[in-house]
Amino acid sequence: MQPDARSLFACSRVALLAFLLCCALFARAGAGDEEDFRPYDREADAKAQIAALLEDRSSDKRILLTFGGNWCPDSRSLERRYRTPELAAVLEREFRTLHVDVGRSRRNRDIVEKYGNPIDMGIPSVVLLAPDGTLLYTDHGSLSSAGRMSDPELIAFFERLAAGYPVP
């Protein structure tokens, strides 16, 4: 028995709708991952975390504080890039890192002020400390467009930072 054209057309429409529904579900799942990505811990005690890094003398690496907020696409982009193999290798070799959540420039204001207001020209921004806590460098907006920077540009930024401020 041969299927007629109408039933073939109806089956193809159902198959197409099922395919489009699956595509929409997968796209939504991927978007949720981006929306749910929150590298800055709102509940973290940044002062205590910094103090713990300063007390831990097992490493002579400098301390890299990254100031940002989960609402900021560039802050989230920079954190994702911190996890790429090439940049992660530079960071691991040169620094001990910590993220400091500034929310919408209101959270951890005392820490921001202590290190020269690195967020005055935008976030994300970084501060570099010597292993003993001495302030070596305060950035003012160089990374505020991190989402548009290439991986080689970011790697070069952190390599220059490491070379410009060697471990004392």
C-alpha atoms as a PDB file:
ATOM      1  CA  MET A   1       0.000   0.000   0.000  1.00  0.00           C
ATOM      2  CA  GLN A   2       1.490   3.339  -1.098  1.00  0.00           C
ATOM      3  CA  PRO A   3       1.330   6.364   1.289  1.00  0.00           C
ATOM      4  CA  ASP A   4      -0.383   9.309  -0.321  1.00  0.00           C
ATOM      5  CA  ALA A   5       1.261  12.712  -0.668  1.00  0.00           C
ATOM      6  CA  ARG A   6      -0.823  14.211   2.131  1.00  0.00           C
ATOM      7  CA  SER A   7       0.364  11.739   4.753  1.00  0.00           C
ATOM      8  CA  LEU A   8       4.002  12.124   3.619  1.00  0.00           C
ATOM      9  CA  PHE A   9       3.668  15.889   3.872  1.00  0.00           C
ATOM     10  CA  ALA A  10       2.105  15.648   7.348  1.00  0.00           C
ATOM     11  CA  CYS A  11       4.867  13.297   8.552  1.00  0.00           C
ATOM     12  CA  SER A  12       7.579  15.597   7.214  1.00  0.00           C
ATOM     13  CA  ARG A  13       5.967  18.560   8.995  1.00  0.00           C
ATOM     14  CA  VAL A  14       5.896  16.649  12.282  1.00  0.00           C
ATOM     15  CA  ALA A  15       9.536  15.628  11.821  1.00  0.00           C
ATOM     16  CA  LEU A  16      10.515  19.226  11.046  1.00  0.00           C
ATOM     17  CA  LEU A  17       8.675  20.525  14.100  1.00  0.00           C
ATOM     18  CA  ALA A  18      10.335  17.904  16.307  1.00  0.00           C
ATOM     19  CA  PHE A  19      13.741  18.867  14.897  1.00  0.00           C
ATOM     20  CA  LEU A  20      13.127  22.587  15.522  1.00  0.00           C
ATOM     21  CA  LEU A  21      11.932  21.873  19.058  1.00  0.00           C
ATOM     22  CA  CYS A  22      15.128  19.907  19.780  1.00  0.00           C
ATOM     23  CA  CYS A  23      17.252  22.743  18.363  1.00  0.00           C
ATOM     24  CA  ALA A  24      15.442  25.272  20.554  1.00  0.00           C
ATOM     25  CA  LEU A  25      15.924  23.119  23.644  1.00  0.00           C
ATOM     26  CA  PHE A  26      19.656  22.714  22.969  1.00  0.00           C
ATOM     27  CA  ALA A  27      20.050  26.439  22.301  1.00  0.00           C
ATOM     28  CA  ARG A  28      18.252  27.270  25.543  1.00  0.00           C
ATOM     29  CA  ALA A  29      20.438  24.831  27.476  1.00  0.00           C
ATOM     30  CA  GLY A  30      23.559  26.527  26.109  1.00  0.00           C
ATOM     31  CA  ALA A  31      22.214  29.978  26.898  1.00  0.00           C
ATOM     32  CA  GLY A  32      21.439  28.892  30.433  1.00  0.00           C
ATOM     33  CA  ASP A  33      25.053  27.880  30.929  1.00  0.00           C
ATOM     34  CA  GLU A  34      26.182  31.388  29.999  1.00  0.00           C
ATOM     35  CA  GLU A  35      23.536  33.039  32.153  1.00  0.00           C
ATOM     36  CA  ASP A  36      24.356  30.759  35.098  1.00  0.00           C
ATOM     37  CA  PHE A  37      28.125  31.314  34.888  1.00  0.00           C
ATOM     38  CA  ARG A  38      28.972  33.356  37.986  1.00  0.00           C
ATOM     39  CA  PRO A  39      32.731  33.488  38.671  1.00  0.00           C
ATOM     40  CA  TYR A  40      32.431  36.171  41.354  1.00  0.00           C
ATOM     41  CA  ASP A  41      31.181  34.842  44.677  1.00  0.00           C
ATOM     42  CA  ARG A  42      28.846  37.380  46.280  1.00  0.00           C
ATOM     43  CA  GLU A  43      29.079  35.614  49.627  1.00  0.00           C
ATOM     44  CA  ALA A  44      32.870  35.361  49.742  1.00  0.00           C
ATOM     45  CA  ASP A  45      34.773  37.216  52.433  1.00  0.00           C
ATOM     46  CA  ALA A  46      37.337  38.874  50.170  1.00  0.00           C
ATOM     47  CA  LYS A  47      39.285  40.348  53.111  1.00  0.00           C
ATOM     48  CA  ALA A  48      39.688  36.909  54.663  1.00  0.00           C
ATOM     49  CA  GLN A  49      40.658  35.396  51.325  1.00  0.00           C
ATOM     50  CA  ILE A  50      43.326  38.032  50.742  1.00  0.00           C
ATOM     51  CA  ALA A  51      44.606  37.580  54.303  1.00  0.00           C
ATOM     52  CA  ALA A  52      44.841  33.814  53.738  1.00  0.00           C
ATOM     53  CA  LEU A  53      46.881  34.340  50.571  1.00  0.00           C
ATOM     54  CA  LEU A  54      49.215  36.686  52.418  1.00  0.00           C
ATOM     55  CA  GLU A  55      49.636  34.261  55.327  1.00  0.00           C
ATOM     56  CA  ASP A  56      50.399  31.336  53.024  1.00  0.00           C
ATOM     57  CA  ARG A  57      54.155  31.619  52.530  1.00  0.00           C
ATOM     58  CA  SER A  58      54.431  28.302  50.651  1.00  0.00           C
ATOM     59  CA  SER A  59      54.711  30.205  47.375  1.00  0.00           C
ATOM     60  CA  ASP A  60      56.735  33.230  46.366  1.00  0.00           C
ATOM     61  CA  LYS A  61      54.318  34.055  43.558  1.00  0.00           C
ATOM     62  CA  ARG A  62      52.724  37.459  43.326  1.00  0.00           C
ATOM     63  CA  ILE A  63      49.020  37.792  44.071  1.00  0.00           C
ATOM     64  CA  LEU A  64      46.722  38.843  41.250  1.00  0.00           C
ATOM     65  CA  LEU A  65      43.388  40.256  42.392  1.00  0.00           C
ATOM     66  CA  THR A  66      40.769  40.459  39.659  1.00  0.00           C
ATOM     67  CA  PHE A  67      37.939  42.875  40.412  1.00  0.00           C
ATOM     68  CA  GLY A  68      34.677  42.309  38.569  1.00  0.00           C
ATOM     69  CA  GLY A  69      31.029  41.478  38.752  1.00  0.00           C
ATOM     70  CA  ASN A  70      28.774  38.709  37.520  1.00  0.00           C
ATOM     71  CA  TRP A  71      26.503  41.199  35.750  1.00  0.00           C
ATOM     72  CA  CYS A  72      29.430  42.309  33.555  1.00  0.00           C
ATOM     73  CA  PRO A  73      29.946  40.384  30.288  1.00  0.00           C
ATOM     74  CA  ASP A  74      33.608  41.431  30.147  1.00  0.00           C
ATOM     75  CA  SER A  75      34.217  40.137  33.689  1.00  0.00           C
ATOM     76  CA  ARG A  76      32.661  36.794  32.810  1.00  0.00           C
ATOM     77  CA  SER A  77      34.549  36.681  29.521  1.00  0.00           C
ATOM     78  CA  LEU A  78      37.884  37.314  31.230  1.00  0.00           C
ATOM     79  CA  GLU A  79      37.215  34.516  33.722  1.00  0.00           C
ATOM     80  CA  ARG A  80      36.391  32.124  30.892  1.00  0.00           C
ATOM     81  CA  ARG A  81      39.637  33.128  29.205  1.00  0.00           C
ATOM     82  CA  TYR A  82      41.552  32.547  32.459  1.00  0.00           C
ATOM     83  CA  ARG A  83      40.597  28.905  31.918  1.00  0.00           C
ATOM     84  CA  THR A  84      42.017  28.557  28.405  1.00  0.00           C
ATOM     85  CA  PRO A  85      45.168  26.413  28.392  1.00  0.00           C
ATOM     86  CA  GLU A  86      47.550  29.139  27.211  1.00  0.00           C
ATOM     87  CA  LEU A  87      46.436  31.879  29.592  1.00  0.00           C
ATOM     88  CA  ALA A  88      45.916  29.448  32.471  1.00  0.00           C
ATOM     89  CA  ALA A  89      49.552  28.374  32.066  1.00  0.00           C
ATOM     90  CA  VAL A  90      50.790  31.977  32.337  1.00  0.00           C
ATOM     91  CA  LEU A  91      48.604  32.681  35.361  1.00  0.00           C
ATOM     92  CA  GLU A  92      49.599  29.447  37.111  1.00  0.00           C
ATOM     93  CA  ARG A  93      53.297  30.053  36.479  1.00  0.00           C
ATOM     94  CA  GLU A  94      53.329  33.682  37.608  1.00  0.00           C
ATOM     95  CA  PHE A  95      50.522  34.388  40.069  1.00  0.00           C
ATOM     96  CA  ARG A  96      48.188  33.236  42.773  1.00  0.00           C
ATOM     97  CA  THR A  97      44.799  34.559  41.724  1.00  0.00           C
ATOM     98  CA  LEU A  98      41.694  35.701  43.528  1.00  0.00           C
ATOM     99  CA  HIS A  99      38.442  37.193  42.266  1.00  0.00           C
ATOM    100  CA  VAL A 100      36.955  40.081  44.197  1.00  0.00           C
ATOM    101  CA  ASP A 101      33.274  40.711  43.566  1.00  0.00           C
ATOM    102  CA  VAL A 102      32.457  44.406  43.334  1.00  0.00           C
ATOM    103  CA  GLY A 103      28.842  43.919  42.291  1.00  0.00           C
ATOM    104  CA  ARG A 104      27.783  47.145  40.636  1.00  0.00           C
ATOM    105  CA  SER A 105      30.718  49.037  42.205  1.00  0.00           C
ATOM    106  CA  ARG A 106      29.250  48.901  45.719  1.00  0.00           C
ATOM    107  CA  ARG A 107      30.552  45.642  47.132  1.00  0.00           C
ATOM    108  CA  ASN A 108      33.992  45.410  48.772  1.00  0.00           C
ATOM    109  CA  ARG A 109      34.506  49.175  48.479  1.00  0.00           C
ATOM    110  CA  ASP A 110      37.057  49.167  51.305  1.00  0.00           C
ATOM    111  CA  ILE A 111      39.246  46.720  49.376  1.00  0.00           C
ATOM    112  CA  VAL A 112      38.800  48.692  46.161  1.00  0.00           C
ATOM    113  CA  GLU A 113      39.911  51.899  47.903  1.00  0.00           C
ATOM    114  CA  LYS A 114      42.807  50.184  49.673  1.00  0.00           C
ATOM    115  CA  TYR A 115      44.316  49.199  46.324  1.00  0.00           C
ATOM    116  CA  GLY A 116      43.937  52.506  44.504  1.00  0.00           C
ATOM    117  CA  ASN A 117      40.413  52.198  43.063  1.00  0.00           C
ATOM    118  CA  PRO A 118      41.170  49.835  40.174  1.00  0.00           C
ATOM    119  CA  ILE A 119      37.535  49.926  39.057  1.00  0.00           C
ATOM    120  CA  ASP A 120      37.378  53.681  38.400  1.00  0.00           C
ATOM    121  CA  MET A 121      37.687  53.130  34.641  1.00  0.00           C
ATOM    122  CA  GLY A 122      35.611  49.955  34.442  1.00  0.00           C
ATOM    123  CA  ILE A 123      35.697  46.267  35.220  1.00  0.00           C
ATOM    124  CA  PRO A 124      37.232  43.815  35.093  1.00  0.00           C
ATOM    125  CA  SER A 125      40.401  45.254  36.490  1.00  0.00           C
ATOM    126  CA  VAL A 126      43.415  43.797  38.274  1.00  0.00           C
ATOM    127  CA  VAL A 127      45.742  44.596  41.139  1.00  0.00           C
ATOM    128  CA  LEU A 128      49.125  42.962  41.588  1.00  0.00           C
ATOM    129  CA  LEU A 129      50.566  42.410  45.056  1.00  0.00           C
ATOM    130  CA  ALA A 130      53.975  41.168  46.113  1.00  0.00           C
ATOM    131  CA  PRO A 131      53.903  37.919  48.120  1.00  0.00           C
ATOM    132  CA  ASP A 132      54.107  40.024  51.303  1.00  0.00           C
ATOM    133  CA  GLY A 133      51.126  42.179  50.275  1.00  0.00           C
ATOM    134  CA  THR A 134      53.030  45.221  49.010  1.00  0.00           C
ATOM    135  CA  LEU A 135      51.054  46.905  46.239  1.00  0.00           C
ATOM    136  CA  LEU A 136      52.967  46.582  42.968  1.00  0.00           C
ATOM    137  CA  TYR A 137      50.434  47.610  40.331  1.00  0.00           C
ATOM    138  CA  THR A 138      46.886  48.895  40.070  1.00  0.00           C
ATOM    139  CA  ASP A 139      45.206  48.673  36.687  1.00  0.00           C
ATOM    140  CA  HIS A 140      42.708  51.288  35.596  1.00  0.00           C
ATOM    141  CA  GLY A 141      40.536  49.941  32.805  1.00  0.00           C
ATOM    142  CA  SER A 142      43.002  48.081  30.600  1.00  0.00           C
ATOM    143  CA  LEU A 143      40.837  44.957  30.756  1.00  0.00           C
ATOM    144  CA  SER A 144      37.422  46.626  30.755  1.00  0.00           C
ATOM    145  CA  SER A 145      36.933  45.443  27.170  1.00  0.00           C
ATOM    146  CA  ALA A 146      38.272  41.936  27.827  1.00  0.00           C
ATOM    147  CA  GLY A 147      35.395  40.384  25.906  1.00  0.00           C
ATOM    148  CA  ARG A 148      36.687  42.002  22.724  1.00  0.00           C
ATOM    149  CA  MET A 149      40.355  41.248  23.352  1.00  0.00           C
ATOM    150  CA  SER A 150      41.993  38.311  21.627  1.00  0.00           C
ATOM    151  CA  ASP A 151      43.642  35.510  23.563  1.00  0.00           C
ATOM    152  CA  PRO A 152      47.115  36.630  22.401  1.00  0.00           C
ATOM    153  CA  GLU A 153      46.370  40.187  23.614  1.00  0.00           C
ATOM    154  CA  LEU A 154      45.362  38.918  27.051  1.00  0.00           C
ATOM    155  CA  ILE A 155      48.352  36.604  27.295  1.00  0.00           C
ATOM    156  CA  ALA A 156      50.659  39.480  26.316  1.00  0.00           C
ATOM    157  CA  PHE A 157      49.049  41.731  28.966  1.00  0.00           C
ATOM    158  CA  PHE A 158      49.705  39.237  31.758  1.00  0.00           C
ATOM    159  CA  GLU A 159      53.186  38.370  30.516  1.00  0.00           C
ATOM    160  CA  ARG A 160      54.079  42.103  30.467  1.00  0.00           C
ATOM    161  CA  LEU A 161      52.623  42.449  33.947  1.00  0.00           C
ATOM    162  CA  ALA A 162      54.722  39.556  35.218  1.00  0.00           C
ATOM    163  CA  ALA A 163      57.897  40.849  33.516  1.00  0.00           C
ATOM    164  CA  GLY A 164      57.339  44.430  34.665  1.00  0.00           C
ATOM    165  CA  TYR A 165      56.875  43.490  38.303  1.00  0.00           C
ATOM    166  CA  PRO A 166      59.206  40.605  39.122  1.00  0.00           C
ATOM    167  CA  VAL A 167      59.007  38.894  42.488  1.00  0.00           C
ATOM    168  CA  PRO A 168      60.903  41.159  44.914  1.00  0.00           C
END
